[in-house]
């Protein structure tokens, strides 16, 4: 059997993956807090660990892999959003508003992640369904001296855990010296964190030995993982932003509650996402949800391809150019595999790339080689291991496309033919004429050519048309920082102009 090697955050080394029980490989990934739409950064761990899930299912069998991803449906952010809804005129009790809000958000999340081709996990527990297990774990921690109750709160005694800080590579003293830590009268130590907190009558709460209250965030995952996967399981995953304090606190409280267990043996963390070279944030105007992209006409399969083009351990930069290139590649591949049955198994080089710490970029490079060799059956079977080219994901590629790139396609194809015939003078002339208008022709290793529009050229052309509709389109291009949407009529008009001028120059 192929050996999987994974970079374990705990040991900071790449290790051979040896499951505790090959008949039941177990993985836990932290899921969303459900009060709003998932943004693009939230999609990265879903896609990354979906590929790992697919790889594990391929190597060990679907019936031998258990994947848990939770929903946090009790949280102060949820309470605050529900309070806003109530203040806006909703007369229902706050708990009813919260249930509607969390149900609706979970529905959105499923729809958006389904659109990205992510398989549903084996279990998707809601935190509110496991309050009893959380109370039991907290009681056990108190009995063992690792937690204490005061003023309706229960806190974890951090200094009682000898290994605290090992996962994130920090020492407790350094954390106290360099961090802004909540100081509260009910804390024995500034680093102690909340396992249970009291709830006022208007907030969600459950009866407990310490009074009516609700769980802290960190205890949720420890309790649900223990109940669904056991005291020891194989893989725990999530974004790097969860490493501290969430995962550190999870590891500590679980180790103290079940010292005979290992909790998670392999920890994997994906890096953060940027947009056009900058951190995604509302203040920069580059923040958007998965649904925003889908509604703009960016296919879920294209989003997935762009995400997988960068190794999970590296920061991933979402750009319009990458999305356009991914769409062109997927259109080409879908044309190649149309009507073709997949090979019995994926290509060994694709499996090997993914087994090497989820080297998705290497796997995609192998897919390019299969496409270049015309191995449609192998391409289809291998792409499925990455969640690409599956039958249920391809409707976007078969729709009638009225895109500006199609207007330029005949001239781009003429240039490719000229290159094959070694008529480099004609090929260079076509490239130069396009460049003079404001379109860069970028050649890719797989033999495809991507036209890239220059924002200033499009803006100037639309302004020159003089009519109100073109002027409004020009203002949109200008305010959107040159981010182009493939089906915009304004860009279609610009492409028609460019194609006409290049054709005239060739006559």
Protein backbone atom coordinates (compact mmCIF):
# COMPACT_ATOMS: atom_id res chain seq x y z
CA UNK A 1 0.00 0.00 0.00
CA UNK A 2 1.08 3.57 -0.71
CA UNK A 3 2.55 5.25 2.38
CA UNK A 4 1.12 8.65 3.22
CA UNK A 5 3.53 11.19 4.69
CA UNK A 6 2.12 14.20 6.54
CA UNK A 7 3.72 17.22 8.18
CA UNK A 8 2.75 16.92 11.83
CA UNK A 9 2.44 20.32 13.50
CA UNK A 10 3.11 18.76 16.89
CA UNK A 11 6.53 17.33 15.92
CA UNK A 12 7.26 19.85 13.14
CA UNK A 13 8.41 17.03 10.91
CA UNK A 14 7.01 15.06 8.02
CA UNK A 15 6.08 11.61 9.26
CA UNK A 16 4.79 8.35 7.85
CA UNK A 17 1.08 8.13 8.55
CA UNK A 18 0.31 4.93 10.45
CA UNK A 19 -3.35 4.79 11.56
CA UNK A 20 -4.27 3.42 14.95
CA UNK A 21 -6.72 1.07 13.26
CA UNK A 22 -6.58 0.67 9.45
CA UNK A 23 -10.18 -0.57 9.61
CA UNK A 24 -11.29 2.74 11.12
CA UNK A 25 -9.12 5.71 10.13
CA UNK A 26 -10.40 8.72 12.07
CA UNK A 27 -10.13 12.45 11.32
CA UNK A 28 -11.57 15.53 13.06
CA UNK A 29 -11.62 18.99 11.43
CA UNK A 30 -12.88 22.13 13.14
CA UNK A 31 -15.96 23.47 11.40
CA UNK A 32 -17.64 26.89 11.25
CA UNK A 33 -19.40 29.03 13.83
CA UNK A 34 -22.78 29.38 12.14
CA UNK A 35 -23.99 32.97 12.11
CA UNK A 36 -23.06 34.19 8.61
CA UNK A 37 -21.97 33.09 5.14
CA UNK A 38 -18.65 31.28 4.77
CA UNK A 39 -16.00 33.60 3.33
CA UNK A 40 -13.40 32.44 0.84
CA UNK A 41 -10.81 31.76 3.56
CA UNK A 42 -13.25 29.41 5.32
CA UNK A 43 -13.37 27.31 2.15
CA UNK A 44 -9.66 26.48 2.15
CA UNK A 45 -9.63 23.96 5.02
CA UNK A 46 -12.82 22.39 3.67
CA UNK A 47 -11.16 21.75 0.30
CA UNK A 48 -7.78 20.73 1.74
CA UNK A 49 -9.19 18.16 4.13
CA UNK A 50 -11.71 16.98 1.57
CA UNK A 51 -8.74 15.93 -0.59
CA UNK A 52 -7.18 14.15 2.38
CA UNK A 53 -10.53 12.44 3.04
CA UNK A 54 -10.66 11.30 -0.59
CA UNK A 55 -7.09 10.00 -0.42
CA UNK A 56 -7.79 8.06 2.79
CA UNK A 57 -10.96 6.59 1.29
CA UNK A 58 -9.03 5.57 -1.82
CA UNK A 59 -6.26 3.83 0.13
CA UNK A 60 -8.22 2.33 3.05
CA UNK A 61 -11.72 2.02 1.57
CA UNK A 62 -14.68 4.41 2.09
CA UNK A 63 -16.18 2.18 4.77
CA UNK A 64 -12.97 2.37 6.83
CA UNK A 65 -12.68 6.15 7.17
CA UNK A 66 -14.59 8.29 9.69
CA UNK A 67 -14.52 12.04 9.18
CA UNK A 68 -16.03 14.45 11.73
CA UNK A 69 -16.51 18.19 11.15
CA UNK A 70 -18.53 20.12 13.72
CA UNK A 71 -20.88 23.08 13.69
CA UNK A 72 -20.47 25.56 16.56
CA UNK A 73 -24.06 26.70 17.12
CA UNK A 74 -23.65 28.24 20.58
CA UNK A 75 -21.38 31.27 20.65
CA UNK A 76 -21.38 34.94 21.63
CA UNK A 77 -21.23 35.98 17.95
CA UNK A 78 -24.40 34.00 17.29
CA UNK A 79 -26.07 35.62 20.31
CA UNK A 80 -25.06 39.07 19.10
CA UNK A 81 -26.38 38.48 15.58
CA UNK A 82 -29.67 37.14 16.98
CA UNK A 83 -29.96 40.21 19.22
CA UNK A 84 -29.57 42.43 16.13
CA UNK A 85 -32.38 40.53 14.40
CA UNK A 86 -34.61 40.92 17.45
CA UNK A 87 -33.82 44.63 17.74
CA UNK A 88 -34.84 45.01 14.09
CA UNK A 89 -38.37 43.91 14.96
CA UNK A 90 -38.45 40.12 15.28
CA UNK A 91 -40.73 39.43 18.26
CA UNK A 92 -39.87 35.77 18.76
CA UNK A 93 -37.88 34.62 21.81
CA UNK A 94 -34.14 34.90 21.31
CA UNK A 95 -33.69 31.11 21.39
CA UNK A 96 -36.14 30.71 18.50
CA UNK A 97 -34.30 33.38 16.50
CA UNK A 98 -30.98 31.63 17.21
CA UNK A 99 -32.32 28.29 16.03
CA UNK A 100 -33.61 29.81 12.79
CA UNK A 101 -30.33 31.67 12.28
CA UNK A 102 -28.13 28.62 12.86
CA UNK A 103 -30.35 26.31 10.78
CA UNK A 104 -30.33 28.78 7.89
CA UNK A 105 -26.57 29.30 8.10
CA UNK A 106 -25.90 25.56 8.14
CA UNK A 107 -28.06 25.27 5.03
CA UNK A 108 -26.04 28.01 3.33
CA UNK A 109 -22.80 26.33 4.34
CA UNK A 110 -23.87 22.99 2.92
CA UNK A 111 -24.99 24.57 -0.35
CA UNK A 112 -21.75 26.52 -0.75
CA UNK A 113 -19.43 23.65 0.16
CA UNK A 114 -21.42 21.28 -2.06
CA UNK A 115 -20.86 23.76 -4.91
CA UNK A 116 -17.11 23.44 -4.27
CA UNK A 117 -17.32 19.67 -4.67
CA UNK A 118 -16.66 18.84 -1.01
CA UNK A 119 -17.93 15.49 0.21
CA UNK A 120 -20.09 15.57 3.31
CA UNK A 121 -18.24 14.25 6.40
CA UNK A 122 -19.35 11.07 8.13
CA UNK A 123 -20.61 13.09 11.11
CA UNK A 124 -21.46 16.80 11.42
CA UNK A 125 -22.31 17.27 15.10
CA UNK A 126 -23.89 20.46 16.37
CA UNK A 127 -22.38 21.63 19.65
CA UNK A 128 -25.82 22.09 21.25
CA UNK A 129 -26.49 18.38 20.78
CA UNK A 130 -23.49 17.41 22.95
CA UNK A 131 -23.85 19.65 26.01
CA UNK A 132 -24.16 16.59 28.27
CA UNK A 133 -20.81 15.25 27.07
CA UNK A 134 -19.20 18.65 27.67
CA UNK A 135 -20.57 18.85 31.22
CA UNK A 136 -19.28 15.32 31.91
CA UNK A 137 -15.78 16.19 30.64
CA UNK A 138 -15.68 19.41 32.66
CA UNK A 139 -16.77 17.54 35.81
CA UNK A 140 -14.00 15.01 35.22
CA UNK A 141 -11.40 17.77 34.83
CA UNK A 142 -12.52 19.33 38.12
CA UNK A 143 -12.32 15.97 39.89
CA UNK A 144 -8.75 15.48 38.61
CA UNK A 145 -7.65 18.94 39.75
CA UNK A 146 -7.25 20.37 36.24
CA UNK A 147 -10.20 22.76 36.48
CA UNK A 148 -11.99 24.78 39.15
CA UNK A 149 -15.38 26.47 39.56
CA UNK A 150 -15.83 30.04 40.72
CA UNK A 151 -18.69 32.54 40.42
CA UNK A 152 -20.64 30.34 38.03
CA UNK A 153 -17.60 29.88 35.78
CA UNK A 154 -15.42 26.83 35.33
CA UNK A 155 -11.84 27.41 34.21
CA UNK A 156 -9.07 25.11 33.05
CA UNK A 157 -5.96 25.30 35.24
CA UNK A 158 -3.31 25.75 32.52
CA UNK A 159 -0.30 25.22 34.77
CA UNK A 160 -1.64 21.80 35.76
CA UNK A 161 -0.89 20.58 32.22
CA UNK A 162 2.83 19.91 31.91
CA UNK A 163 2.76 19.86 28.12
CA UNK A 164 0.82 23.09 27.60
CA UNK A 165 2.31 25.09 24.72
CA UNK A 166 4.00 22.11 23.07
CA UNK A 167 1.65 22.04 20.08
CA UNK A 168 2.04 25.72 19.21
CA UNK A 169 5.67 25.93 20.34
CA UNK A 170 5.11 28.46 23.12
CA UNK A 171 5.89 28.57 26.82
CA UNK A 172 3.32 29.72 29.35
CA UNK A 173 5.63 32.36 30.82
CA UNK A 174 6.39 33.81 27.37
CA UNK A 175 2.68 33.88 26.56
CA UNK A 176 1.91 35.81 29.74
CA UNK A 177 4.80 38.22 29.21
CA UNK A 178 3.98 39.04 25.60
CA UNK A 179 0.23 38.72 25.31
CA UNK A 180 -2.81 40.68 26.29
CA UNK A 181 -4.60 38.13 28.46
CA UNK A 182 -8.01 38.59 30.01
CA UNK A 183 -7.72 39.37 33.71
CA UNK A 184 -10.84 38.41 35.66
CA UNK A 185 -11.45 38.12 39.40
CA UNK A 186 -12.56 34.51 39.05
CA UNK A 187 -9.22 33.42 37.50
CA UNK A 188 -6.43 31.85 39.55
CA UNK A 189 -3.97 32.54 36.74
CA UNK A 190 -4.21 34.93 33.76
CA UNK A 191 -3.67 32.04 31.31
CA UNK A 192 -6.56 29.92 32.61
CA UNK A 193 -9.36 29.65 30.06
CA UNK A 194 -13.11 29.23 30.34
CA UNK A 195 -14.74 25.81 30.10
CA UNK A 196 -18.19 26.97 31.27
CA UNK A 197 -19.72 30.40 31.80
CA UNK A 198 -23.01 31.61 33.26
CA UNK A 199 -25.91 32.64 31.04
CA UNK A 200 -28.30 35.48 31.80
CA UNK A 201 -32.02 34.64 31.50
CA UNK A 202 -32.22 36.08 27.97
CA UNK A 203 -29.33 34.00 26.61
CA UNK A 204 -29.15 30.28 25.73
CA UNK A 205 -28.22 28.16 28.72
CA UNK A 206 -28.29 24.67 30.18
CA UNK A 207 -28.51 23.44 33.75
CA UNK A 208 -25.19 22.25 35.18
CA UNK A 209 -23.57 21.60 38.58
CA UNK A 210 -22.25 25.18 38.42
CA UNK A 211 -25.55 26.83 37.55
CA UNK A 212 -27.33 27.66 34.32
CA UNK A 213 -24.78 28.45 31.65
CA UNK A 214 -23.17 27.52 28.36
CA UNK A 215 -19.87 25.95 27.28
CA UNK A 216 -16.69 27.74 26.31
CA UNK A 217 -15.57 27.30 22.72
CA UNK A 218 -12.60 25.00 23.30
CA UNK A 219 -14.39 22.27 25.27
CA UNK A 220 -16.86 21.67 22.43
CA UNK A 221 -14.43 20.00 20.04
CA UNK A 222 -12.71 17.96 22.77
CA UNK A 223 -16.02 16.50 23.93
CA UNK A 224 -17.42 15.79 20.47
CA UNK A 225 -14.16 14.28 19.22
CA UNK A 226 -13.96 11.99 22.27
CA UNK A 227 -17.59 10.87 21.87
CA UNK A 228 -17.43 10.24 18.11
CA UNK A 229 -13.81 9.17 17.59
CA UNK A 230 -12.57 7.97 20.97
CA UNK A 231 -9.90 9.09 23.40
CA UNK A 232 -7.27 8.56 20.68
CA UNK A 233 -7.74 9.15 16.97
CA UNK A 234 -5.55 9.78 13.96
CA UNK A 235 -5.77 13.28 12.47
CA UNK A 236 -6.91 16.69 13.70
CA UNK A 237 -7.02 19.48 11.14
CA UNK A 238 -7.91 23.13 10.69
CA UNK A 239 -6.62 26.52 9.67
CA UNK A 240 -3.37 27.86 11.11
CA UNK A 241 -5.39 30.57 12.87
CA UNK A 242 -6.79 27.84 15.14
CA UNK A 243 -3.39 26.56 16.29
CA UNK A 244 -3.39 28.92 19.27
CA UNK A 245 -5.32 29.14 21.43
CA UNK A 246 -8.06 26.79 20.18
CA UNK A 247 -6.09 23.68 19.28
CA UNK A 248 -3.57 24.19 22.08
CA UNK A 249 -6.42 24.34 24.58
CA UNK A 250 -8.16 21.35 23.02
CA UNK A 251 -5.01 19.26 23.26
CA UNK A 252 -4.39 20.27 26.88
CA UNK A 253 -7.86 19.63 28.27
CA UNK A 254 -8.19 16.34 26.36
CA UNK A 255 -4.81 15.08 27.56
CA UNK A 256 -5.73 15.92 31.16
CA UNK A 257 -9.19 14.38 30.92
CA UNK A 258 -7.87 11.19 29.32
CA UNK A 259 -4.15 10.84 30.17
CA UNK A 260 -4.20 7.27 28.90
CA UNK A 261 -5.25 8.48 25.44
CA UNK A 262 -3.31 10.33 22.78
CA UNK A 263 -6.16 12.57 21.54
CA UNK A 264 -4.96 13.46 18.01
CA UNK A 265 -1.71 11.86 16.84
CA UNK A 266 -1.21 13.96 13.69
CA UNK A 267 -2.05 17.67 13.55
CA UNK A 268 -2.37 19.41 10.17
CA UNK A 269 -2.86 23.14 9.60
CA UNK A 270 -3.46 24.97 6.36
CA UNK A 271 -2.07 28.46 5.87
CA UNK A 272 -4.13 31.61 5.36
CA UNK A 273 -5.61 33.11 2.21
CA UNK A 274 -4.89 36.43 0.51
CA UNK A 275 -6.65 38.23 -2.34
CA UNK A 276 -4.58 39.82 -5.10
CA UNK A 277 -1.51 39.82 -2.85
CA UNK A 278 -3.17 41.38 0.19
CA UNK A 279 -4.77 40.04 3.34
CA UNK A 280 -8.50 39.68 2.83
CA UNK A 281 -10.38 42.27 4.87
CA UNK A 282 -13.51 44.38 4.61
CA UNK A 283 -11.50 47.56 5.12
CA UNK A 284 -9.47 46.83 1.96
CA UNK A 285 -12.59 46.08 -0.05
CA UNK A 286 -11.33 42.62 -1.02
CA UNK A 287 -13.48 40.57 1.34
CA UNK A 288 -16.01 38.23 -0.21
CA UNK A 289 -17.90 35.09 0.57
CA UNK A 290 -17.98 31.86 -1.39
CA UNK A 291 -21.53 32.77 -2.40
CA UNK A 292 -20.35 36.15 -3.72
CA UNK A 293 -18.04 34.35 -6.17
CA UNK A 294 -20.64 31.77 -7.14
CA UNK A 295 -23.21 34.49 -7.78
CA UNK A 296 -20.69 36.36 -9.93
CA UNK A 297 -20.53 33.31 -12.17
CA UNK A 298 -17.25 31.81 -10.92
CA UNK A 299 -17.84 28.03 -11.00
CA UNK A 300 -17.26 26.12 -7.77
CA UNK A 301 -14.93 23.79 -9.62
CA UNK A 302 -12.78 26.77 -10.64
CA UNK A 303 -12.59 27.96 -7.01
CA UNK A 304 -11.53 24.48 -5.99
CA UNK A 305 -8.85 24.26 -8.71
CA UNK A 306 -7.33 27.61 -7.70
CA UNK A 307 -7.25 26.57 -4.05
CA UNK A 308 -5.51 23.28 -4.86
CA UNK A 309 -2.90 24.94 -7.05
CA UNK A 310 -1.00 26.05 -3.92
CA UNK A 311 0.28 23.65 -1.25
CA UNK A 312 -1.84 23.81 1.88
CA UNK A 313 1.15 24.77 4.04
CA UNK A 314 1.78 27.93 2.00
CA UNK A 315 -0.24 31.17 1.97
CA UNK A 316 -2.68 31.01 -0.94
CA UNK A 317 -3.24 34.09 -3.12
CA UNK A 318 -6.60 34.27 -4.90
CA UNK A 319 -6.37 36.32 -8.11
CA UNK A 320 -8.66 36.89 -11.05
CA UNK A 321 -5.85 35.78 -13.36
CA UNK A 322 -5.57 32.42 -11.56
CA UNK A 323 -9.33 31.96 -11.78
CA UNK A 324 -9.32 32.69 -15.51
CA UNK A 325 -6.45 30.27 -16.09
CA UNK A 326 -8.17 27.59 -14.01
CA UNK A 327 -11.39 28.00 -15.98
CA UNK A 328 -9.54 27.70 -19.28
CA UNK A 329 -7.75 24.56 -18.12
CA UNK A 330 -10.91 22.92 -16.81
CA UNK A 331 -12.83 23.71 -20.00
CA UNK A 332 -10.07 22.07 -22.01
CA UNK A 333 -9.96 19.02 -19.75
CA UNK A 334 -13.72 18.64 -19.67
CA UNK A 335 -13.77 18.69 -23.45
CA UNK A 336 -11.17 15.91 -23.43
CA UNK A 337 -13.03 13.65 -20.96
CA UNK A 338 -16.56 14.26 -22.28
CA UNK A 339 -18.32 10.92 -22.75
CA UNK A 340 -15.30 8.99 -21.47
CA UNK A 341 -15.48 6.38 -18.70
CA UNK A 342 -12.77 6.87 -16.06
CA UNK A 343 -9.91 4.43 -15.78
CA UNK A 344 -10.27 1.77 -13.05
CA UNK A 345 -7.85 3.65 -10.80
CA UNK A 346 -6.05 7.00 -10.67
CA UNK A 347 -2.57 7.36 -12.12
CA UNK A 348 0.17 6.28 -9.66
CA UNK A 349 1.97 9.62 -9.99
CA UNK A 350 -1.16 11.49 -8.86
CA UNK A 351 -1.60 9.21 -5.85
CA UNK A 352 2.10 9.57 -5.03
CA UNK A 353 1.91 13.36 -5.16
CA UNK A 354 -1.06 13.48 -2.80
CA UNK A 355 0.51 10.91 -0.48
CA UNK A 356 3.51 13.24 -0.19
CA UNK A 357 1.93 15.63 2.35
CA UNK A 358 -0.99 16.48 0.03
CA UNK A 359 1.13 17.90 -2.76
CA UNK A 360 -1.89 19.07 -4.74
CA UNK A 361 0.19 21.29 -7.01
CA UNK A 362 2.27 18.25 -7.97
CA UNK A 363 -0.90 16.24 -8.55
CA UNK A 364 -2.24 18.97 -10.86
CA UNK A 365 1.04 18.97 -12.77
CA UNK A 366 0.56 15.22 -13.26
CA UNK A 367 -2.97 15.87 -14.54
CA UNK A 368 -1.52 18.30 -17.10
CA UNK A 369 0.82 15.54 -18.30
CA UNK A 370 -2.08 13.08 -18.63
CA UNK A 371 -4.04 15.65 -20.61
CA UNK A 372 -1.05 16.37 -22.82
CA UNK A 373 -0.71 12.65 -23.55
CA UNK A 374 -4.40 12.42 -24.44
CA UNK A 375 -5.07 9.93 -21.64
CA UNK A 376 -8.68 11.00 -21.06
CA UNK A 377 -9.64 7.96 -18.98
CA UNK A 378 -6.62 8.35 -16.71
CA UNK A 379 -7.20 12.08 -16.45
CA UNK A 380 -10.82 11.62 -15.37
CA UNK A 381 -10.03 8.96 -12.76
CA UNK A 382 -7.07 10.89 -11.38
CA UNK A 383 -8.83 14.26 -11.27
CA UNK A 384 -11.63 12.70 -9.22
CA UNK A 385 -9.10 12.10 -6.42
CA UNK A 386 -8.84 15.91 -6.19
CA UNK A 387 -12.59 16.38 -6.56
CA UNK A 388 -12.25 17.67 -10.14
CA UNK A 389 -13.93 16.71 -13.43
CA UNK A 390 -16.68 14.82 -11.63
CA UNK A 391 -19.94 14.47 -13.54
CA UNK A 392 -22.02 16.44 -11.05
CA UNK A 393 -19.70 19.45 -11.17
CA UNK A 394 -19.54 20.15 -14.90
CA UNK A 395 -22.78 21.93 -15.82
CA UNK A 396 -20.96 25.28 -15.97
CA UNK A 397 -18.61 24.02 -18.71
CA UNK A 398 -21.42 22.87 -21.00
CA UNK A 399 -23.46 26.06 -20.78
CA UNK A 400 -23.44 28.30 -23.83
CA UNK A 401 -20.63 30.73 -23.07
CA UNK A 402 -20.93 34.34 -24.18
CA UNK A 403 -17.58 35.43 -22.87
CA UNK A 404 -15.09 37.95 -24.12
CA UNK A 405 -12.39 35.25 -24.31
CA UNK A 406 -14.46 33.41 -26.93
CA UNK A 407 -14.37 36.50 -29.16
CA UNK A 408 -10.57 36.35 -29.17
CA UNK A 409 -10.35 32.56 -29.58
CA UNK A 410 -10.02 32.42 -33.42
CA UNK A 411 -7.06 34.81 -33.42
CA UNK A 412 -5.42 33.05 -30.49
CA UNK A 413 -5.84 29.74 -32.34
CA UNK A 414 -4.37 31.33 -35.50
CA UNK A 415 -1.30 32.31 -33.49
CA UNK A 416 -0.95 28.78 -32.08
CA UNK A 417 -1.14 27.32 -35.59
CA UNK A 418 1.47 29.85 -36.77
CA UNK A 419 3.81 28.77 -33.98
CA UNK A 420 3.37 25.10 -34.87
CA UNK A 421 4.18 25.93 -38.49
CA UNK A 422 7.21 27.91 -37.28
CA UNK A 423 5.76 31.10 -38.75
CA UNK A 424 7.09 33.09 -35.83
CA UNK A 425 6.77 36.42 -37.65
CA UNK A 426 2.97 36.03 -37.80
CA UNK A 427 2.77 34.71 -34.24
CA UNK A 428 4.80 37.66 -32.94
CA UNK A 429 2.72 40.13 -34.94
CA UNK A 430 -0.53 38.82 -33.42
CA UNK A 431 0.95 39.06 -29.92
CA UNK A 432 2.23 42.61 -30.59
CA UNK A 433 -1.07 43.84 -32.03
CA UNK A 434 -2.96 42.53 -29.03
CA UNK A 435 -0.42 44.15 -26.68
CA UNK A 436 -0.85 47.50 -28.45
CA UNK A 437 -4.57 47.38 -27.70
CA UNK A 438 -4.14 46.35 -24.07
CA UNK A 439 -4.30 42.55 -24.08
CA UNK A 440 -1.38 40.38 -22.99
CA UNK A 441 -1.27 36.87 -24.46
CA UNK A 442 0.23 34.65 -21.77
CA UNK A 443 1.40 31.19 -22.86
CA UNK A 444 1.17 28.32 -20.37
CA UNK A 445 3.23 25.10 -20.20
CA UNK A 446 0.24 22.96 -21.21
CA UNK A 447 0.12 24.74 -24.60
CA UNK A 448 -2.86 26.97 -23.82
CA UNK A 449 -2.83 30.75 -24.13
CA UNK A 450 -4.59 33.07 -21.69
CA UNK A 451 -5.62 36.60 -22.74
CA UNK A 452 -5.11 39.07 -19.89
CA UNK A 453 -6.81 42.46 -20.07
CA UNK A 454 -5.13 45.65 -18.89
CA UNK A 455 -7.45 47.74 -16.76
CA UNK A 456 -6.39 51.10 -18.19
CA UNK A 457 -6.97 49.98 -21.78
CA UNK A 458 -10.48 48.75 -21.03
CA UNK A 459 -11.31 51.89 -19.06
CA UNK A 460 -10.08 54.23 -21.81
CA UNK A 461 -11.96 52.33 -24.51
CA UNK A 462 -15.25 52.33 -22.64
CA UNK A 463 -14.90 56.03 -21.89
CA UNK A 464 -14.29 56.72 -25.58
CA UNK A 465 -17.63 55.23 -26.56
CA UNK A 466 -19.36 58.18 -25.00
CA UNK A 467 -22.77 56.67 -24.23
CA UNK A 468 -24.13 56.43 -20.68
CA UNK A 469 -24.07 52.62 -20.46
CA UNK A 470 -20.43 52.44 -21.53
CA UNK A 471 -19.52 55.21 -19.11
CA UNK A 472 -21.15 53.35 -16.22
CA UNK A 473 -19.31 50.18 -17.25
CA UNK A 474 -16.05 52.10 -17.33
CA UNK A 475 -16.66 53.43 -13.82
CA UNK A 476 -17.30 49.85 -12.64
CA UNK A 477 -14.03 48.65 -14.16
CA UNK A 478 -12.18 51.54 -12.57
CA UNK A 479 -13.71 51.15 -9.10
CA UNK A 480 -13.24 47.37 -9.13
CA UNK A 481 -9.49 47.76 -9.46
CA UNK A 482 -9.33 46.03 -12.84
CA UNK A 483 -11.02 42.84 -11.67
CA UNK A 484 -12.95 41.64 -14.69
CA UNK A 485 -16.03 39.49 -14.80
CA UNK A 486 -15.97 37.18 -17.81
CA UNK A 487 -19.58 37.71 -18.94
CA UNK A 488 -19.70 41.52 -18.68
CA UNK A 489 -21.14 43.05 -21.83
CA UNK A 490 -18.63 45.90 -21.64
CA UNK A 491 -15.71 43.48 -21.85
CA UNK A 492 -17.42 41.65 -24.69
CA UNK A 493 -17.55 44.94 -26.60
CA UNK A 494 -13.88 45.62 -25.85
CA UNK A 495 -12.91 42.14 -27.05
CA UNK A 496 -14.89 42.62 -30.26
CA UNK A 497 -13.05 45.87 -30.90
CA UNK A 498 -9.69 44.21 -30.21
CA UNK A 499 -10.43 41.26 -32.48
CA UNK A 500 -11.51 43.60 -35.27
CA UNK A 501 -8.39 45.76 -35.03
CA UNK A 502 -6.01 42.79 -34.92
CA UNK A 503 -7.77 41.21 -37.90
CA UNK A 504 -7.47 44.47 -39.85
CA UNK A 505 -3.77 44.71 -38.99
CA UNK A 506 -3.20 41.22 -40.39
CA UNK A 507 -4.87 41.93 -43.72
